[in-house]
């Protein structure tokens, strides 16, 4: 699948048994992602809550280790204890899409 086709696929399969793996290694079931659509810059946006990650979130752990100012650009709570809660991804952040029902890789990010 070409990267241009990914947004259409994500919307079409939102209720399916699909897993999306992002840069950094975090993997989410597609039905737990909030697939927003295009922003003002034309980038397709996807909201992921760290609590929905299939494993302990690598990105969340990195954010905690580096802190709000130095860590990845994620959302943090505003009330103590201040902690990271989610991440906004774009299609370019997707490394792999797996369709578990079909038992196959649907998309793999091409190097470069």
Protein backbone atom coordinates (compact mmCIF):
# COMPACT_ATOMS: atom_id res chain seq x y z
CA UNK A 1 0.00 0.00 0.00
CA UNK A 2 1.19 3.51 -0.79
CA UNK A 3 1.37 6.10 1.99
CA UNK A 4 -1.29 8.18 0.20
CA UNK A 5 -3.76 5.29 0.67
CA UNK A 6 -3.21 4.92 4.42
CA UNK A 7 -5.82 7.51 5.57
CA UNK A 8 -8.53 5.86 3.46
CA UNK A 9 -7.61 2.42 4.80
CA UNK A 10 -7.62 3.61 8.43
CA UNK A 11 -11.10 5.08 8.06
CA UNK A 12 -12.43 2.05 6.19
CA UNK A 13 -11.08 -0.49 8.70
CA UNK A 14 -11.66 1.46 11.92
CA UNK A 15 -13.83 -1.31 13.36
CA UNK A 16 -11.57 -4.18 12.27
CA UNK A 17 -8.90 -6.13 14.09
CA UNK A 18 -6.06 -3.87 12.95
CA UNK A 19 -2.91 -2.81 14.82
CA UNK A 20 -0.97 0.36 14.00
CA UNK A 21 2.71 0.61 15.03
CA UNK A 22 4.24 4.08 15.20
CA UNK A 23 7.79 5.40 15.19
CA UNK A 24 9.19 4.69 18.64
CA UNK A 25 7.61 1.24 18.81
CA UNK A 26 4.22 2.01 20.35
CA UNK A 27 1.47 -0.23 18.97
CA UNK A 28 -2.25 0.52 19.20
CA UNK A 29 -5.43 -1.24 18.12
CA UNK A 30 -6.93 0.91 15.37
CA UNK A 31 -10.32 1.08 17.08
CA UNK A 32 -8.67 2.88 20.04
CA UNK A 33 -7.13 5.60 17.87
CA UNK A 34 -8.87 8.87 17.10
CA UNK A 35 -8.39 9.31 13.36
CA UNK A 36 -8.95 13.06 12.89
CA UNK A 37 -8.25 13.86 9.28
CA UNK A 38 -6.14 16.58 7.70
CA UNK A 39 -4.83 19.58 9.60
CA UNK A 40 -4.23 23.05 8.09
CA UNK A 41 -0.89 21.87 6.67
CA UNK A 42 -2.52 18.92 4.89
CA UNK A 43 -1.07 16.30 7.27
CA UNK A 44 -3.40 13.47 8.30
CA UNK A 45 -3.55 13.39 12.13
CA UNK A 46 -4.12 10.52 14.54
CA UNK A 47 -4.55 10.93 18.30
CA UNK A 48 -3.32 8.09 20.55
CA UNK A 49 -3.78 7.89 24.32
CA UNK A 50 -0.86 6.16 26.04
CA UNK A 51 -3.27 4.12 28.17
CA UNK A 52 -4.50 2.45 24.96
CA UNK A 53 -1.03 1.25 23.91
CA UNK A 54 -0.84 -2.55 23.64
CA UNK A 55 2.29 -2.57 25.83
CA UNK A 56 3.86 -0.03 28.15
CA UNK A 57 4.32 3.01 25.92
CA UNK A 58 7.94 3.68 24.91
CA UNK A 59 7.06 7.27 24.03
CA UNK A 60 5.44 7.86 27.43
CA UNK A 61 8.49 6.42 29.21
CA UNK A 62 10.78 8.64 27.14
CA UNK A 63 8.65 11.70 27.93
CA UNK A 64 8.79 10.95 31.66
CA UNK A 65 12.55 10.40 31.54
CA UNK A 66 13.28 13.60 29.59
CA UNK A 67 10.56 15.81 31.01
CA UNK A 68 7.93 18.02 29.45
CA UNK A 69 10.39 20.47 27.89
CA UNK A 70 12.91 17.98 26.42
CA UNK A 71 10.80 14.90 25.70
CA UNK A 72 8.69 14.04 22.67
CA UNK A 73 5.90 16.50 21.81
CA UNK A 74 3.04 14.84 23.63
CA UNK A 75 0.07 15.95 25.73
CA UNK A 76 0.50 16.27 29.48
CA UNK A 77 -1.99 16.58 32.30
CA UNK A 78 -2.42 20.09 33.67
CA UNK A 79 -2.98 19.07 37.29
CA UNK A 80 -0.50 17.37 39.60
CA UNK A 81 0.85 14.85 39.21
CA UNK A 82 1.80 16.21 35.78
CA UNK A 83 2.32 13.30 33.40
CA UNK A 84 2.17 12.53 29.67
CA UNK A 85 -1.18 11.19 28.47
CA UNK A 86 -1.11 11.02 24.69
CA UNK A 87 0.49 11.76 21.38
CA UNK A 88 -0.56 13.29 18.09
CA UNK A 89 0.83 11.33 15.16
CA UNK A 90 0.73 11.84 11.41
CA UNK A 91 0.66 9.20 8.67
CA UNK A 92 4.42 9.71 8.31
CA UNK A 93 4.82 8.42 11.90
CA UNK A 94 3.26 5.05 11.05
CA UNK A 95 5.82 2.27 10.69
CA UNK A 96 3.53 -0.74 10.14
CA UNK A 97 -0.17 -1.55 9.83
CA UNK A 98 -1.17 -5.14 10.60
CA UNK A 99 -4.54 -6.68 9.73
CA UNK A 100 -4.88 -9.47 12.30
CA UNK A 101 -8.06 -10.86 10.70
CA UNK A 102 -6.25 -11.35 7.37
CA UNK A 103 -2.99 -12.24 9.18
CA UNK A 104 -0.92 -9.93 7.01
CA UNK A 105 1.04 -6.71 6.95
CA UNK A 106 -0.99 -4.06 5.11
CA UNK A 107 1.56 -1.25 5.15
CA UNK A 108 5.25 -0.87 5.94
CA UNK A 109 6.93 2.52 5.90
CA UNK A 110 9.49 2.79 3.14
CA UNK A 111 12.96 4.03 4.13
CA UNK A 112 13.98 7.47 3.10
